[in-house]
Protein backbone atom coordinates (compact mmCIF):
# COMPACT_ATOMS: atom_id res chain seq x y z
CA MET A 1 -35.89 24.60 58.13
CA THR A 2 -37.78 27.24 54.61
CA ASP A 3 -39.11 25.05 52.24
CA ILE A 4 -38.37 27.68 49.00
CA SER A 5 -39.66 25.30 46.62
CA ALA A 6 -42.93 26.02 48.55
CA ALA A 7 -42.79 29.97 48.49
CA PRO A 8 -44.65 31.58 46.02
CA PRO A 9 -42.73 32.93 42.82
CA ALA A 10 -41.78 36.81 43.02
CA ALA A 11 -44.13 38.98 41.51
CA LYS A 12 -43.43 39.71 38.27
CA ARG A 13 -42.44 43.81 37.65
CA PRO A 14 -44.51 45.66 34.88
CA GLY A 15 -41.93 46.58 32.23
CA PRO A 16 -42.67 48.71 29.53
CA PRO A 17 -45.42 49.06 27.17
CA GLU A 18 -45.08 47.35 24.02
CA PRO A 19 -44.48 49.92 21.17
CA ILE A 20 -47.20 50.65 19.12
CA PRO A 21 -46.65 50.10 14.98
CA VAL A 22 -46.69 53.27 13.08
CA THR A 23 -47.24 53.00 9.71
CA VAL A 24 -46.03 55.74 7.05
CA LEU A 25 -48.53 56.02 3.94
CA THR A 26 -46.55 58.85 0.96
CA GLY A 27 -47.28 59.28 -2.11
CA PHE A 28 -47.21 61.98 -4.25
CA LEU A 29 -49.70 64.83 -4.75
CA GLY A 30 -53.12 63.31 -5.93
CA ALA A 31 -52.56 59.40 -6.36
CA GLY A 32 -54.97 58.24 -4.14
CA LYS A 33 -53.84 58.37 -0.12
CA THR A 34 -56.64 58.97 1.41
CA THR A 35 -59.18 56.62 -1.21
CA LEU A 36 -56.90 54.00 0.42
CA LEU A 37 -56.50 54.99 3.95
CA ASN A 38 -60.79 54.92 4.01
CA ARG A 39 -60.45 51.31 2.31
CA LEU A 40 -57.94 50.18 5.13
CA LEU A 41 -60.32 51.74 7.89
CA GLY A 42 -63.64 49.89 6.35
CA ASP A 43 -61.74 46.76 7.30
CA PRO A 44 -62.67 45.94 10.83
CA ALA A 45 -58.71 44.78 11.67
CA LEU A 46 -57.94 48.07 11.95
CA ALA A 47 -60.98 49.53 14.14
CA ASP A 48 -58.37 50.45 16.77
CA THR A 49 -56.89 52.56 14.73
CA ALA A 50 -55.29 56.24 15.21
CA VAL A 51 -54.63 58.24 12.12
CA LEU A 52 -53.01 61.63 12.15
CA ILE A 53 -53.40 63.46 8.28
CA ASN A 54 -50.91 66.26 7.02
CA GLU A 55 -52.23 68.52 4.57
CA PHE A 56 -50.06 71.51 2.83
CA GLY A 57 -51.36 74.33 3.26
CA GLU A 58 -53.78 77.12 5.59
CA ILE A 59 -56.65 75.19 5.49
CA GLY A 60 -57.12 70.90 4.56
CA LEU A 61 -60.23 69.66 3.90
CA ASP A 62 -58.79 65.54 3.66
CA HIS A 63 -59.66 64.53 7.31
CA LEU A 64 -63.05 65.55 6.71
CA PHE A 65 -63.21 62.73 3.79
CA VAL A 66 -61.50 60.53 6.62
CA ARG A 67 -63.44 57.61 7.33
CA GLU A 68 -64.20 58.27 11.59
CA VAL A 69 -62.15 56.66 13.50
CA LYS A 70 -64.24 58.08 17.34
CA ASP A 71 -61.73 60.22 18.31
CA GLY A 72 -58.48 59.37 16.81
CA VAL A 73 -58.23 61.33 13.81
CA VAL A 74 -56.02 64.50 14.03
CA LEU A 75 -55.09 66.94 11.61
CA LEU A 76 -51.54 68.44 10.93
CA ALA A 77 -52.52 70.61 8.61
CA SER A 78 -50.00 74.06 9.54
CA GLY A 79 -47.88 72.78 7.41
CA CYS A 80 -45.86 69.93 5.81
CA LEU A 81 -44.03 67.43 8.38
CA CYS A 82 -40.40 67.07 6.44
CA CYS A 83 -40.22 70.86 7.22
CA THR A 84 -41.65 73.12 9.40
CA VAL A 85 -44.30 70.46 11.42
CA ARG A 86 -41.49 68.06 12.00
CA GLY A 87 -42.31 68.73 15.95
CA ASP A 88 -45.90 68.82 15.23
CA LEU A 89 -45.01 64.82 14.41
CA VAL A 90 -43.46 64.57 17.93
CA ALA A 91 -46.34 66.27 19.47
CA ALA A 92 -48.72 65.07 18.09
CA LEU A 93 -48.03 61.42 18.64
CA GLU A 94 -47.05 62.12 22.45
CA ASP A 95 -50.77 63.84 22.62
CA LEU A 96 -51.85 60.49 21.10
CA LEU A 97 -49.96 58.78 23.77
CA ARG A 98 -51.06 60.91 26.62
CA GLY A 99 -54.86 60.27 25.66
CA ARG A 100 -54.72 56.63 25.48
CA ASP A 101 -53.25 56.82 29.19
CA ASN A 102 -55.22 59.22 30.99
CA ASN A 103 -58.11 57.12 29.82
CA ARG A 104 -58.91 60.59 27.41
CA LEU A 105 -58.87 58.79 23.78
CA PRO A 106 -59.85 54.91 23.21
CA PRO A 107 -57.25 52.94 23.52
CA PHE A 108 -55.33 52.08 19.65
CA ASN A 109 -53.06 49.18 18.80
CA ARG A 110 -52.05 50.57 15.85
CA VAL A 111 -50.96 54.53 14.18
CA ILE A 112 -50.90 55.54 10.36
CA VAL A 113 -49.03 59.13 9.41
CA GLU A 114 -50.66 59.77 6.32
CA THR A 115 -48.25 63.02 4.81
CA THR A 116 -48.83 65.88 2.71
CA GLY A 117 -47.84 64.30 -0.77
CA LEU A 118 -45.29 67.13 -1.64
CA ALA A 119 -43.24 65.29 1.59
CA ASP A 120 -39.90 64.04 2.02
CA PRO A 121 -40.22 60.69 4.02
CA ALA A 122 -36.64 60.89 4.77
CA PRO A 123 -36.51 63.37 7.66
CA ILE A 124 -40.23 61.95 9.05
CA LEU A 125 -38.81 57.95 9.02
CA PHE A 126 -35.36 59.42 11.16
CA THR A 127 -37.44 61.57 13.12
CA LEU A 128 -40.31 58.03 13.98
CA MET A 129 -36.98 55.90 14.08
CA SER A 130 -34.64 58.15 16.79
CA HIS A 131 -36.98 60.21 19.14
CA PRO A 132 -35.51 59.62 22.22
CA TYR A 133 -39.57 59.13 23.67
CA LEU A 134 -40.68 58.25 20.63
CA VAL A 135 -39.09 54.78 20.09
CA LEU A 136 -39.68 53.52 23.27
CA ARG A 137 -43.60 53.44 22.89
CA TYR A 138 -43.96 53.97 18.96
CA ARG A 139 -42.29 51.23 16.44
CA LEU A 140 -41.74 51.99 13.43
CA ASP A 141 -42.98 49.03 11.36
CA GLY A 142 -43.24 50.27 7.46
CA VAL A 143 -43.54 52.69 5.10
CA VAL A 144 -46.54 52.24 2.42
CA THR A 145 -46.30 54.24 -0.89
CA VAL A 146 -49.01 54.78 -3.45
CA VAL A 147 -48.59 55.66 -6.97
CA ASP A 148 -50.41 56.99 -9.81
CA ALA A 149 -50.45 55.00 -12.77
CA VAL A 150 -51.64 57.68 -15.15
CA ASN A 151 -48.86 60.51 -13.96
CA GLY A 152 -46.46 58.01 -12.52
CA ASP A 153 -43.28 57.89 -14.66
CA ALA A 154 -44.16 61.58 -15.14
CA THR A 155 -44.65 62.56 -11.64
CA LEU A 156 -40.98 60.58 -10.75
CA ASP A 157 -39.18 62.56 -13.90
CA ALA A 158 -39.98 65.96 -12.36
CA GLN A 159 -39.97 65.16 -7.98
CA GLU A 160 -37.46 64.27 -6.33
CA GLU A 161 -40.04 64.15 -3.01
CA ALA A 162 -41.74 60.92 -5.69
CA VAL A 163 -38.59 58.97 -6.01
CA LYS A 164 -37.76 59.21 -2.36
CA GLN A 165 -41.40 57.67 -1.28
CA ALA A 166 -40.57 54.88 -3.62
CA ALA A 167 -37.35 54.43 -2.98
CA VAL A 168 -38.42 54.47 1.16
CA ALA A 169 -41.08 52.21 0.90
CA ASP A 170 -42.42 48.08 1.85
CA ARG A 171 -44.81 48.01 -0.10
CA ILE A 172 -46.33 50.49 -3.57
CA VAL A 173 -49.91 50.29 -4.24
CA LEU A 174 -50.64 51.09 -7.82
CA THR A 175 -53.46 53.31 -8.32
CA LYS A 176 -55.70 54.02 -11.52
CA ALA A 177 -53.76 50.81 -14.05
CA ASP A 178 -57.43 49.99 -14.72
CA LEU A 179 -57.01 52.87 -16.72
CA MET A 180 -53.99 52.18 -18.69
CA GLY A 181 -55.49 49.29 -20.29
CA ASP A 182 -54.79 50.77 -23.84
CA ALA A 183 -50.92 51.45 -22.51
CA PRO A 184 -49.68 48.06 -21.20
CA GLU A 185 -46.36 48.77 -22.26
CA ALA A 186 -46.10 51.91 -20.35
CA LEU A 187 -47.63 50.53 -16.77
CA ALA A 188 -45.19 47.60 -17.35
CA HIS A 189 -42.11 50.51 -17.48
CA LEU A 190 -43.68 51.70 -14.34
CA LYS A 191 -43.36 48.79 -12.55
CA ALA A 192 -39.99 48.11 -13.74
CA ARG A 193 -39.12 51.35 -12.62
CA LEU A 194 -40.57 50.88 -9.17
CA LYS A 195 -39.22 47.77 -8.91
CA ARG A 196 -35.39 49.44 -9.37
CA LEU A 197 -36.02 51.81 -7.04
CA ALA A 198 -37.62 49.39 -4.34
CA PRO A 199 -36.64 46.14 -4.95
CA ALA A 200 -37.73 44.62 -1.80
CA ALA A 201 -41.07 46.17 -2.28
CA PRO A 202 -43.96 44.41 -3.91
CA VAL A 203 -46.44 46.52 -5.88
CA LEU A 204 -49.71 45.59 -5.69
CA ASP A 205 -52.46 47.05 -8.12
CA ALA A 206 -55.50 48.69 -5.92
CA ALA A 207 -57.92 48.05 -8.37
CA ILE A 208 -58.07 44.45 -8.69
CA GLY A 209 -58.32 44.49 -4.66
CA GLU A 210 -54.45 43.57 -4.20
CA ALA A 211 -54.28 46.74 -1.17
CA THR A 212 -55.92 44.70 1.52
CA ALA A 213 -54.83 45.54 5.31
CA GLU A 214 -53.64 42.45 5.52
CA ALA A 215 -50.93 42.96 2.56
CA LEU A 216 -49.62 46.18 3.66
CA LEU A 217 -50.13 46.79 7.31
CA LYS A 218 -48.01 43.33 8.37
CA ALA A 219 -46.05 43.56 11.29
CA GLY A 220 -42.49 44.28 11.69
CA LEU A 221 -39.61 46.92 11.58
CA TYR A 222 -38.65 48.97 9.31
CA ASP A 223 -35.63 48.20 7.79
CA PRO A 224 -33.57 50.53 5.58
CA SER A 225 -30.80 47.92 5.30
CA ARG A 226 -33.38 46.13 2.59
CA LYS A 227 -33.71 49.42 0.49
CA ILE A 228 -30.98 50.69 -1.92
CA PRO A 229 -27.83 52.51 -0.57
CA ASP A 230 -29.32 55.89 -1.38
CA VAL A 231 -31.95 55.36 1.20
CA ALA A 232 -29.34 54.83 4.51
CA ARG A 233 -27.64 58.42 3.03
CA TRP A 234 -30.67 60.02 3.41
CA LEU A 235 -31.22 58.92 6.35
CA ALA A 236 -27.76 60.11 7.32
CA GLU A 237 -28.03 63.23 6.27
CA GLU A 238 -30.79 64.20 8.41
CA ARG A 239 -28.88 62.44 11.13
CA VAL A 240 -26.66 65.78 10.27
CA ALA A 241 -29.38 68.18 9.95
CA ALA A 242 -31.08 67.12 13.18
CA ALA A 243 -27.48 67.93 14.73
CA GLU A 244 -26.72 71.11 13.15
CA THR A 245 -30.55 72.48 14.14
CA HIS A 246 -30.19 71.25 17.75
CA GLY A 247 -33.42 69.27 16.70
CA GLY A 248 -35.51 71.98 16.04
CA HIS A 249 -37.33 73.66 12.92
CA ASP A 250 -35.87 72.39 9.39
CA PRO A 251 -36.42 75.66 6.53
CA ASN A 252 -38.85 74.65 3.72
CA ARG A 253 -37.37 71.71 1.66
CA HIS A 254 -39.28 72.31 -1.50
CA ASP A 255 -39.13 73.98 -4.75
CA ASP A 256 -40.08 77.82 -4.15
CA ARG A 257 -41.99 77.81 -7.45
CA ILE A 258 -44.35 75.77 -6.00
CA GLN A 259 -47.79 77.76 -3.99
CA ALA A 260 -50.66 76.42 -1.99
CA PHE A 261 -53.32 79.40 -1.46
CA THR A 262 -57.43 78.38 -0.76
CA ILE A 263 -60.14 80.13 -2.07
CA ALA A 264 -63.45 79.86 0.34
CA THR A 265 -67.01 82.08 -0.10
CA ASP A 266 -70.30 81.83 1.56
CA ALA A 267 -71.78 82.04 -1.59
CA ALA A 268 -73.68 79.67 -3.46
CA VAL A 269 -72.57 78.36 -6.91
CA SER A 270 -74.20 77.13 -9.90
CA ALA A 271 -73.11 73.83 -11.18
CA SER A 272 -72.64 75.70 -15.05
CA THR A 273 -70.53 78.36 -13.38
CA LEU A 274 -68.87 75.78 -11.65
CA ASP A 275 -68.52 73.22 -14.20
CA MET A 276 -66.94 76.61 -16.44
CA PHE A 277 -64.85 77.54 -14.04
CA LEU A 278 -62.69 74.05 -13.52
CA GLU A 279 -62.75 73.62 -17.65
CA LEU A 280 -61.16 77.23 -18.51
CA LEU A 281 -59.08 76.79 -14.56
CA ARG A 282 -58.07 72.98 -16.22
CA ALA A 283 -57.81 73.75 -20.08
CA THR A 284 -55.27 77.37 -19.34
CA TYR A 285 -53.38 76.22 -16.37
CA GLY A 286 -53.64 72.69 -16.14
CA ALA A 287 -50.05 71.56 -16.32
CA ASN A 288 -49.94 73.88 -13.37
CA LEU A 289 -51.94 72.44 -11.58
CA LEU A 290 -50.44 70.11 -9.25
CA ARG A 291 -53.28 69.55 -6.86
CA MET A 292 -57.01 71.06 -6.87
CA LYS A 293 -59.47 69.62 -4.15
CA GLY A 294 -62.79 71.39 -2.64
CA ILE A 295 -66.40 70.73 -1.35
CA VAL A 296 -68.52 73.42 -2.94
CA LYS A 297 -71.40 74.70 -1.73
CA LEU A 298 -74.64 74.38 -4.59
CA ALA A 299 -77.00 76.88 -5.49
CA ASP A 300 -79.75 74.08 -6.84
CA ASP A 301 -79.68 72.41 -2.93
CA PRO A 302 -76.83 74.04 -0.72
CA ALA A 303 -76.90 71.36 2.38
CA SER A 304 -75.64 68.82 0.11
CA PRO A 305 -72.12 69.91 -0.79
CA LEU A 306 -70.17 69.02 -3.52
CA VAL A 307 -66.56 67.00 -3.37
CA LEU A 308 -64.34 67.90 -6.06
CA HIS A 309 -60.38 66.29 -7.13
CA GLY A 310 -58.47 67.03 -9.64
CA VAL A 311 -54.47 66.59 -10.49
CA GLN A 312 -53.46 68.74 -13.67
CA HIS A 313 -55.31 68.28 -16.68
CA VAL A 314 -57.43 65.53 -14.52
CA MET A 315 -60.21 66.96 -12.87
CA HIS A 316 -62.01 63.72 -11.59
CA PRO A 317 -65.87 63.22 -11.29
CA PRO A 318 -67.36 65.18 -8.40
CA ALA A 319 -69.09 63.01 -5.40
CA ARG A 320 -72.47 64.74 -3.73
CA LEU A 321 -72.45 64.64 0.04
CA ALA A 322 -75.52 63.64 1.62
CA GLU A 323 -74.34 66.53 4.21
CA TRP A 324 -71.82 68.71 5.56
CA PRO A 325 -69.15 67.23 7.53
CA ASP A 326 -68.40 70.10 9.31
CA ASP A 327 -69.77 72.71 10.72
CA ASP A 328 -68.07 75.00 8.37
CA GLU A 329 -70.42 75.72 5.07
CA ARG A 330 -68.49 77.33 3.00
CA THR A 331 -67.14 76.66 -0.56
CA ARG A 332 -62.86 76.31 -0.12
CA LEU A 333 -61.22 75.17 -2.59
CA VAL A 334 -56.98 74.27 -2.13
CA PHE A 335 -54.59 74.48 -4.59
CA ILE A 336 -51.02 73.46 -5.31
CA VAL A 337 -49.40 74.82 -7.99
CA ARG A 338 -46.43 75.58 -10.00
CA ASP A 339 -45.37 78.32 -11.92
CA LEU A 340 -49.08 80.11 -11.13
CA ASP A 341 -49.67 83.15 -9.55
CA PRO A 342 -52.83 82.51 -6.92
CA ALA A 343 -53.91 86.14 -7.47
CA VAL A 344 -54.95 84.58 -11.60
CA VAL A 345 -57.22 82.04 -9.84
CA ARG A 346 -58.52 83.87 -7.74
CA ARG A 347 -59.29 86.56 -9.97
CA LEU A 348 -60.89 83.63 -12.37
CA PHE A 349 -62.86 82.28 -9.65
CA ALA A 350 -63.93 85.57 -9.14
CA ALA A 351 -65.17 86.65 -12.24
CA PHE A 352 -67.34 83.20 -12.62
CA LEU A 353 -68.85 84.92 -9.47
CA GLY A 354 -69.91 87.31 -10.30
CA VAL A 355 -67.53 90.22 -8.38
CA PRO A 356 -66.85 93.14 -9.97
CA GLN A 357 -62.71 93.73 -10.11
CA ILE A 358 -61.06 96.62 -12.00
CA ASP A 359 -59.32 95.27 -15.25
CA THR A 360 -60.64 91.76 -14.94
CA PRO A 361 -63.02 89.76 -17.62
CA ASP A 362 -66.06 89.18 -16.20
CA ARG A 363 -67.59 85.97 -16.65
CA ASP A 364 -69.20 86.87 -20.25
CA ALA A 365 -66.19 88.42 -21.17
CA LEU A 366 -64.40 85.02 -20.48
CA THR A 367 -66.94 82.79 -21.94
CA ASP A 368 -68.37 84.77 -24.92
CA ASN A 369 -65.11 84.72 -26.45
CA PRO A 370 -64.10 82.85 -29.87
CA LEU A 371 -60.24 81.81 -28.03
CA ALA A 372 -62.05 79.54 -25.21
CA PRO A 373 -61.81 76.57 -25.02
CA ALA A 374 -64.86 74.71 -26.83
CA GLY A 375 -66.36 73.75 -23.84
CA MET A 376 -66.34 76.89 -22.81
CA ARG A 377 -68.21 79.56 -25.57
CA SER A 378 -71.45 80.28 -24.92
CA ALA A 379 -74.41 79.32 -26.81
CA ARG A 380 -74.87 81.28 -29.64
């Protein structure tokens, strides 16, 4: 008689791999998502992280300034994740899996999806929570929303996307709070407003080091039931929309008054010309300038480009790079504007570069003008 107790244990059948956690990093234009992402990727705990970056417009720049994570940075630059390229998000996540499974990519243990600042997060979350294949291999474990303390209240007043980005958050990162030292009441009002939108989400101050990887990327499972009731309603609306479009691409969800465009040139630009262009742009059209970012070839040292960032009337201090981050050594300026004809900005830039145009003032006419902003006027 066979002694069953002495028989070796049956081989355990291999089960499905453990789902890979996905964190969605969102926040309105200029809030500081890429800066936060770089800080997070510098943490050794995130060494094995793949990153998907979405930008609104035909030329993407943010991926050039993200800390290198081997081959795991993918740019989704053909549109906005929440509408025309939602299918691209699915394809990119599937491609990452194929590369990982076939050993074409280093193994990764987490994915961070950085959305464009204009993204409505609801369709992105719905896709990650309902796609029949993605839910087997990925797990949506949280949403981190970045909020600009200086412009946060005004942005929440004017932008429905910003309200949704805050409401779906598991954690909110407040940036530029250190610039609000002379307005403590305004900062307290913004924090109270965010708490009403996302009662269960802690608000972390980036300026004092609270936005660490440990604090932001805790393992879990995204739970809409812990959000305000609007979140469940938004996700239900996405289910209906997906059924109506049979899972296809959505139409543009954004205000038709918002446009994205790029100015690119091979010409090197003098620092004084760039300063005057930016000053006139800020002074004249700052309210219409939702976001500006760029990389500029300067005449004094073309091999060391200048990186620019601006939000409305605020132009952040530029940063000089030691070398070009890619093979494209052109000046590239990306704008996202509201109620501003891109042709106006293009003509203005061309005027400062000295490109002749019919019925358009040249640089001297713009600067040697008593009506020009103070910083723009030529010395007499």
